[in-house]
Protein backbone atom coordinates (compact mmCIF):
# COMPACT_ATOMS: atom_id res chain seq x y z
CA UNK A 1 -40.66 -66.60 46.22
CA UNK A 2 -43.38 -64.09 45.31
CA UNK A 3 -44.33 -64.25 41.64
CA UNK A 4 -44.06 -61.06 39.58
CA UNK A 5 -46.92 -59.88 37.40
CA UNK A 6 -46.12 -61.72 34.16
CA UNK A 7 -45.84 -60.31 30.72
CA UNK A 8 -46.93 -62.96 28.28
CA UNK A 9 -44.57 -63.41 25.43
CA UNK A 10 -45.04 -65.76 22.55
CA UNK A 11 -41.79 -67.19 21.34
CA UNK A 12 -40.78 -69.53 18.61
CA UNK A 13 -37.44 -71.10 18.07
CA UNK A 14 -36.06 -72.09 14.72
CA UNK A 15 -35.15 -75.74 14.35
CA UNK A 16 -33.05 -77.72 11.93
CA UNK A 17 -32.86 -81.22 10.61
CA UNK A 18 -30.99 -84.42 11.28
CA UNK A 19 -30.19 -86.76 14.14
CA UNK A 20 -27.07 -88.27 15.63
CA UNK A 21 -26.63 -90.53 18.65
CA UNK A 22 -23.68 -90.84 20.99
CA UNK A 23 -22.47 -92.90 23.94
CA UNK A 24 -22.44 -92.27 27.66
CA UNK A 25 -19.99 -91.20 30.34
CA UNK A 26 -19.57 -88.26 32.70
CA UNK A 27 -16.90 -86.40 34.64
CA UNK A 28 -16.21 -84.28 37.71
CA UNK A 29 -15.99 -84.92 41.46
CA UNK A 30 -19.07 -86.86 42.51
CA UNK A 31 -20.29 -87.19 38.92
CA UNK A 32 -17.39 -88.93 37.20
CA UNK A 33 -17.61 -91.61 34.48
CA UNK A 34 -19.80 -94.37 35.80
CA UNK A 35 -21.78 -97.37 34.63
CA UNK A 36 -25.46 -96.83 34.07
CA UNK A 37 -26.54 -98.98 37.02
CA UNK A 38 -26.31 -97.25 40.44
CA UNK A 39 -24.84 -99.01 43.47
CA UNK A 40 -27.10 -100.26 46.22
CA UNK A 41 -25.36 -98.00 48.73
CA UNK A 42 -25.49 -94.29 47.71
CA UNK A 43 -22.42 -93.57 49.84
CA UNK A 44 -20.40 -95.95 47.68
CA UNK A 45 -21.70 -94.18 44.59
CA UNK A 46 -20.68 -90.77 45.82
CA UNK A 47 -17.17 -91.93 46.79
CA UNK A 48 -16.47 -93.64 43.48
CA UNK A 49 -15.48 -90.42 41.63
CA UNK A 50 -12.11 -89.18 40.47
CA UNK A 51 -10.60 -85.70 40.92
CA UNK A 52 -12.07 -82.88 38.88
CA UNK A 53 -10.43 -81.76 35.65
CA UNK A 54 -10.07 -77.98 35.96
CA UNK A 55 -7.58 -77.54 33.13
CA UNK A 56 -9.93 -77.91 30.21
CA UNK A 57 -9.23 -75.70 27.20
CA UNK A 58 -11.23 -75.15 24.00
CA UNK A 59 -8.24 -75.73 21.74
CA UNK A 60 -9.29 -78.92 19.95
CA UNK A 61 -11.61 -79.21 16.97
CA UNK A 62 -15.00 -80.73 17.61
CA UNK A 63 -14.72 -84.47 17.08
CA UNK A 64 -16.54 -86.20 14.25
CA UNK A 65 -18.98 -89.07 14.54
CA UNK A 66 -16.51 -91.86 13.75
CA UNK A 67 -15.86 -92.41 17.46
CA UNK A 68 -19.57 -92.57 18.29
CA UNK A 69 -20.74 -96.14 19.01
CA UNK A 70 -24.42 -95.17 18.95
CA UNK A 71 -24.37 -93.35 15.64
CA UNK A 72 -27.58 -93.06 13.65
CA UNK A 73 -28.08 -91.86 10.08
CA UNK A 74 -27.46 -88.13 9.76
CA UNK A 75 -30.71 -87.53 7.95
CA UNK A 76 -33.84 -87.40 10.04
CA UNK A 77 -37.30 -85.85 10.18
CA UNK A 78 -37.55 -82.11 9.67
CA UNK A 79 -38.20 -80.40 13.00
CA UNK A 80 -41.19 -78.10 13.25
CA UNK A 81 -41.00 -75.16 15.63
CA UNK A 82 -43.66 -74.93 18.30
CA UNK A 83 -45.18 -71.64 19.41
CA UNK A 84 -45.52 -71.57 23.19
CA UNK A 85 -46.13 -69.01 25.93
CA UNK A 86 -43.29 -67.56 28.02
CA UNK A 87 -44.30 -66.29 31.46
CA UNK A 88 -42.03 -65.38 34.38
CA UNK A 89 -39.14 -67.24 32.78
CA UNK A 90 -41.15 -70.42 32.23
CA UNK A 91 -42.52 -71.98 29.03
CA UNK A 92 -45.91 -73.67 28.89
CA UNK A 93 -45.51 -76.93 27.00
CA UNK A 94 -48.64 -78.44 25.44
CA UNK A 95 -48.02 -82.07 26.34
CA UNK A 96 -49.45 -84.93 24.32
CA UNK A 97 -48.38 -88.28 22.97
CA UNK A 98 -44.66 -88.86 22.41
CA UNK A 99 -42.11 -91.68 22.38
CA UNK A 100 -39.69 -91.79 25.31
CA UNK A 101 -36.37 -93.60 25.06
CA UNK A 102 -34.17 -94.75 22.20
CA UNK A 103 -35.09 -97.17 19.42
CA UNK A 104 -31.41 -97.69 18.57
CA UNK A 105 -30.36 -101.17 19.69
CA UNK A 106 -26.78 -99.93 20.05
CA UNK A 107 -27.79 -97.29 22.59
CA UNK A 108 -27.24 -98.02 26.31
CA UNK A 109 -29.70 -100.45 27.82
CA UNK A 110 -30.95 -97.86 30.29
CA UNK A 111 -32.44 -95.86 27.37
CA UNK A 112 -34.70 -98.76 26.40
CA UNK A 113 -37.28 -99.92 25.74
CA UNK A 114 -38.63 -96.97 23.79
CA UNK A 115 -42.33 -96.60 24.50
CA UNK A 116 -45.17 -94.23 23.72
CA UNK A 117 -46.81 -92.31 26.54
CA UNK A 118 -49.06 -89.32 27.06
CA UNK A 119 -47.94 -86.34 29.09
CA UNK A 120 -50.11 -83.54 30.48
CA UNK A 121 -49.37 -79.86 29.77
CA UNK A 122 -46.84 -78.32 32.15
CA UNK A 123 -44.56 -75.33 32.66
CA UNK A 124 -40.76 -75.62 32.66
CA UNK A 125 -38.00 -73.08 33.23
CA UNK A 126 -36.67 -71.72 29.96
CA UNK A 127 -33.11 -71.87 31.36
CA UNK A 128 -31.25 -73.65 34.09
CA UNK A 129 -31.44 -72.01 37.52
CA UNK A 130 -28.79 -69.29 37.68
CA UNK A 131 -26.54 -68.38 40.59
CA UNK A 132 -28.44 -65.14 41.26
CA UNK A 133 -31.76 -66.94 41.60
CA UNK A 134 -30.33 -69.62 43.88
CA UNK A 135 -28.58 -66.96 46.00
CA UNK A 136 -31.97 -65.40 46.75
CA UNK A 137 -33.04 -68.74 48.24
CA UNK A 138 -29.83 -68.90 50.31
CA UNK A 139 -30.35 -65.33 51.55
CA UNK A 140 -33.91 -66.22 52.55
CA UNK A 141 -32.64 -69.15 54.62
CA UNK A 142 -34.53 -71.70 52.51
CA UNK A 143 -31.50 -73.19 50.71
CA UNK A 144 -27.98 -74.04 51.88
CA UNK A 145 -25.00 -72.46 50.19
CA UNK A 146 -23.45 -75.00 47.78
CA UNK A 147 -20.21 -76.48 49.05
CA UNK A 148 -17.15 -75.63 46.97
CA UNK A 149 -16.37 -79.20 45.94
CA UNK A 150 -14.23 -77.92 43.06
CA UNK A 151 -12.58 -74.72 41.90
CA UNK A 152 -15.07 -74.79 39.02
CA UNK A 153 -18.21 -74.69 41.19
CA UNK A 154 -20.13 -71.61 40.04
CA UNK A 155 -21.75 -70.15 43.17
CA UNK A 156 -18.69 -68.08 44.13
CA UNK A 157 -17.37 -67.61 40.60
CA UNK A 158 -18.45 -63.95 40.49
CA UNK A 159 -20.98 -64.29 37.67
CA UNK A 160 -24.65 -64.32 38.73
CA UNK A 161 -25.80 -65.55 35.29
CA UNK A 162 -23.91 -68.83 35.38
CA UNK A 163 -26.00 -71.93 36.12
CA UNK A 164 -25.67 -72.81 39.78
CA UNK A 165 -23.70 -76.04 40.19
CA UNK A 166 -22.42 -78.31 42.97
CA UNK A 167 -26.01 -78.62 44.24
CA UNK A 168 -27.37 -81.76 45.95
CA UNK A 169 -30.72 -83.17 44.83
CA UNK A 170 -32.39 -82.19 48.11
CA UNK A 171 -31.15 -78.62 47.74
CA UNK A 172 -32.41 -78.40 44.15
CA UNK A 173 -35.75 -79.72 45.38
CA UNK A 174 -35.75 -77.15 48.20
CA UNK A 175 -35.12 -74.30 45.76
CA UNK A 176 -37.93 -75.34 43.44
CA UNK A 177 -40.38 -75.45 46.36
CA UNK A 178 -39.10 -72.06 47.55
CA UNK A 179 -39.98 -70.73 44.08
CA UNK A 180 -43.44 -72.39 44.23
CA UNK A 181 -42.33 -74.92 41.63
CA UNK A 182 -41.00 -78.49 41.61
CA UNK A 183 -38.33 -80.51 39.85
CA UNK A 184 -39.45 -81.83 36.45
CA UNK A 185 -40.19 -85.51 36.06
CA UNK A 186 -37.91 -87.47 33.77
CA UNK A 187 -40.73 -87.78 31.25
CA UNK A 188 -41.33 -84.03 31.26
CA UNK A 189 -37.63 -83.36 30.82
CA UNK A 190 -37.34 -85.62 27.75
CA UNK A 191 -40.50 -84.20 26.21
CA UNK A 192 -39.11 -80.68 26.66
CA UNK A 193 -35.92 -81.77 24.90
CA UNK A 194 -37.40 -83.53 21.87
CA UNK A 195 -41.17 -83.11 21.73
CA UNK A 196 -42.70 -85.63 19.35
CA UNK A 197 -39.56 -85.84 17.19
CA UNK A 198 -37.05 -88.71 17.57
CA UNK A 199 -34.05 -86.39 17.62
CA UNK A 200 -30.73 -87.12 19.30
CA UNK A 201 -30.15 -83.51 20.31
CA UNK A 202 -32.66 -80.74 21.10
CA UNK A 203 -31.71 -78.86 17.91
CA UNK A 204 -31.84 -82.04 15.82
CA UNK A 205 -28.32 -82.31 14.38
CA UNK A 206 -25.06 -83.66 15.77
CA UNK A 207 -22.98 -82.23 18.63
CA UNK A 208 -21.39 -78.81 18.31
CA UNK A 209 -19.76 -76.34 20.69
CA UNK A 210 -21.88 -73.69 18.98
CA UNK A 211 -25.04 -75.25 20.41
CA UNK A 212 -23.93 -76.81 23.70
CA UNK A 213 -21.01 -76.79 26.14
CA UNK A 214 -19.79 -80.39 26.50
CA UNK A 215 -16.49 -82.21 26.13
CA UNK A 216 -15.10 -81.70 22.63
CA UNK A 217 -15.66 -85.31 21.60
CA UNK A 218 -15.92 -88.84 22.98
CA UNK A 219 -12.17 -89.27 23.56
CA UNK A 220 -11.30 -85.75 24.72
CA UNK A 221 -10.86 -84.70 28.33
CA UNK A 222 -11.18 -81.06 27.26
CA UNK A 223 -14.39 -79.07 27.24
CA UNK A 224 -15.74 -76.58 24.73
CA UNK A 225 -14.86 -73.94 27.34
CA UNK A 226 -13.28 -73.97 30.82
CA UNK A 227 -16.58 -73.62 32.71
CA UNK A 228 -20.32 -73.64 31.98
CA UNK A 229 -21.74 -70.81 29.89
CA UNK A 230 -24.20 -68.21 31.13
CA UNK A 231 -27.72 -69.57 31.08
CA UNK A 232 -29.50 -69.08 27.76
CA UNK A 233 -26.37 -67.98 25.89
CA UNK A 234 -26.58 -70.71 23.22
CA UNK A 235 -29.90 -70.09 21.43
CA UNK A 236 -28.96 -72.44 18.59
CA UNK A 237 -29.16 -75.32 21.06
CA UNK A 238 -32.77 -74.67 22.08
CA UNK A 239 -35.41 -77.35 21.68
CA UNK A 240 -38.41 -76.98 19.38
CA UNK A 241 -40.25 -75.34 22.31
CA UNK A 242 -37.45 -72.85 23.00
CA UNK A 243 -36.16 -74.55 26.16
CA UNK A 244 -32.47 -73.69 26.51
CA UNK A 245 -29.40 -75.67 27.57
CA UNK A 246 -31.06 -79.08 27.73
CA UNK A 247 -27.85 -80.46 26.24
CA UNK A 248 -24.60 -79.75 28.07
CA UNK A 249 -23.74 -76.81 30.36
CA UNK A 250 -24.80 -78.64 33.56
CA UNK A 251 -26.63 -81.95 33.79
CA UNK A 252 -29.97 -81.57 35.50
CA UNK A 253 -31.66 -83.21 38.45
CA UNK A 254 -35.14 -84.61 37.89
CA UNK A 255 -37.74 -85.63 40.43
CA UNK A 256 -37.57 -89.35 39.61
CA UNK A 257 -35.67 -92.16 41.28
CA UNK A 258 -33.33 -93.96 38.89
CA UNK A 259 -34.14 -97.40 37.55
CA UNK A 260 -32.02 -99.28 35.04
CA UNK A 261 -34.74 -99.88 32.45
CA UNK A 262 -37.39 -97.50 31.18
CA UNK A 263 -40.87 -98.71 31.99
CA UNK A 264 -44.40 -97.84 31.00
CA UNK A 265 -45.74 -97.82 34.55
CA UNK A 266 -45.57 -95.13 37.23
CA UNK A 267 -42.21 -93.78 38.36
CA UNK A 268 -40.61 -95.67 41.28
CA UNK A 269 -41.38 -94.32 44.74
CA UNK A 270 -37.96 -95.00 46.26
CA UNK A 271 -34.41 -95.82 45.26
CA UNK A 272 -30.69 -95.25 45.82
CA UNK A 273 -30.22 -92.44 43.27
CA UNK A 274 -32.10 -89.81 41.32
CA UNK A 275 -32.09 -89.32 37.56
CA UNK A 276 -29.81 -86.75 35.94
CA UNK A 277 -30.48 -85.69 32.36
CA UNK A 278 -28.82 -83.69 29.59
CA UNK A 279 -25.12 -84.00 30.37
CA UNK A 280 -22.90 -81.06 31.24
CA UNK A 281 -19.72 -79.25 30.31
CA UNK A 282 -17.70 -82.22 31.63
CA UNK A 283 -19.80 -84.82 29.77
CA UNK A 284 -19.07 -86.22 26.30
CA UNK A 285 -21.58 -85.34 23.57
CA UNK A 286 -23.06 -88.83 23.74
CA UNK A 287 -24.11 -88.24 27.35
CA UNK A 288 -25.77 -84.99 26.32
CA UNK A 289 -28.39 -86.49 24.01
CA UNK A 290 -32.14 -86.24 24.48
CA UNK A 291 -32.40 -89.89 25.56
CA UNK A 292 -29.20 -90.13 27.65
CA UNK A 293 -29.81 -91.08 31.27
CA UNK A 294 -27.47 -90.68 34.24
CA UNK A 295 -27.90 -90.95 38.00
CA UNK A 296 -26.65 -89.32 41.16
CA UNK A 297 -26.74 -90.37 44.81
CA UNK A 298 -27.83 -88.24 47.74
CA UNK A 299 -24.22 -87.03 48.09
CA UNK A 300 -23.80 -86.04 44.44
CA UNK A 301 -22.97 -82.35 44.03
CA UNK A 302 -20.15 -81.88 41.53
CA UNK A 303 -19.37 -78.96 39.18
CA UNK A 304 -21.17 -80.75 36.34
CA UNK A 305 -24.50 -80.85 38.20
CA UNK A 306 -27.28 -78.24 38.22
CA UNK A 307 -31.05 -78.15 37.67
CA UNK A 308 -34.15 -76.32 36.46
CA UNK A 309 -37.70 -76.32 37.79
CA UNK A 310 -41.17 -77.09 36.48
CA UNK A 311 -44.78 -76.77 37.66
CA UNK A 312 -48.18 -78.09 36.74
CA UNK A 313 -50.18 -76.23 34.11
CA UNK A 314 -52.86 -73.89 35.42
């Protein structure tokens, strides 16, 4: 994809205070509730799902934190907005030293151990990849059309600004290369979501349908709305860098292979599944936290799954 001449825009996103943790699960065909550890055989993983829930309605109040097994104190460090550069729909993040993973001993084991690491500057898409952008790749013959695994897949939903969903990892990877980008690493994704602040959600406070489209609460099978929202339509859910929709909407493919425990060494070079981050509209709030980790096999491509791209800093 030929890059347009950029107009540099400096943006800053307001942030709030607080932190709240949740627990993990997921939903949808091919990305249904699953244990954290992936199966050895990716085919088994992909066939372990349950039918999609297409009858979700936003008619329940947002659940409180009493049902949250990973709850942390509501008060937390005050978030400080970061001024970054926006160019061609991407934000240039400064990188630096940050802590990856959760320090809460009640959080899932795959979010631990928390450890400090240094990350280089990089660019990341401000929003998830929209249907219109992915369609350009399909029209160019560089990407396959997503299969309609569910009535809630977005490619043929008639709205070009919805995040594209029902996309396999290899197809997300193909799109990013078509756009002269790449999938973000898991470390880059978490840094974009929380920066140097130990926040449970990109905006800092607890879950809310105002900030992210997820399931209403941990027990509910109903979503904040009956499909994902248009990309970038929930500015209150932006991270301190201004990255949108890192919580909910669609969970996002990363470049990394999944491993059960976070490590300080290099990312694994092979595996049975790739890492998904951020949760989606069919995920409970706890699976949509900054430290929540999920996985998907090579056959994963449900209506809860999408992606965004990144690239190295100039």
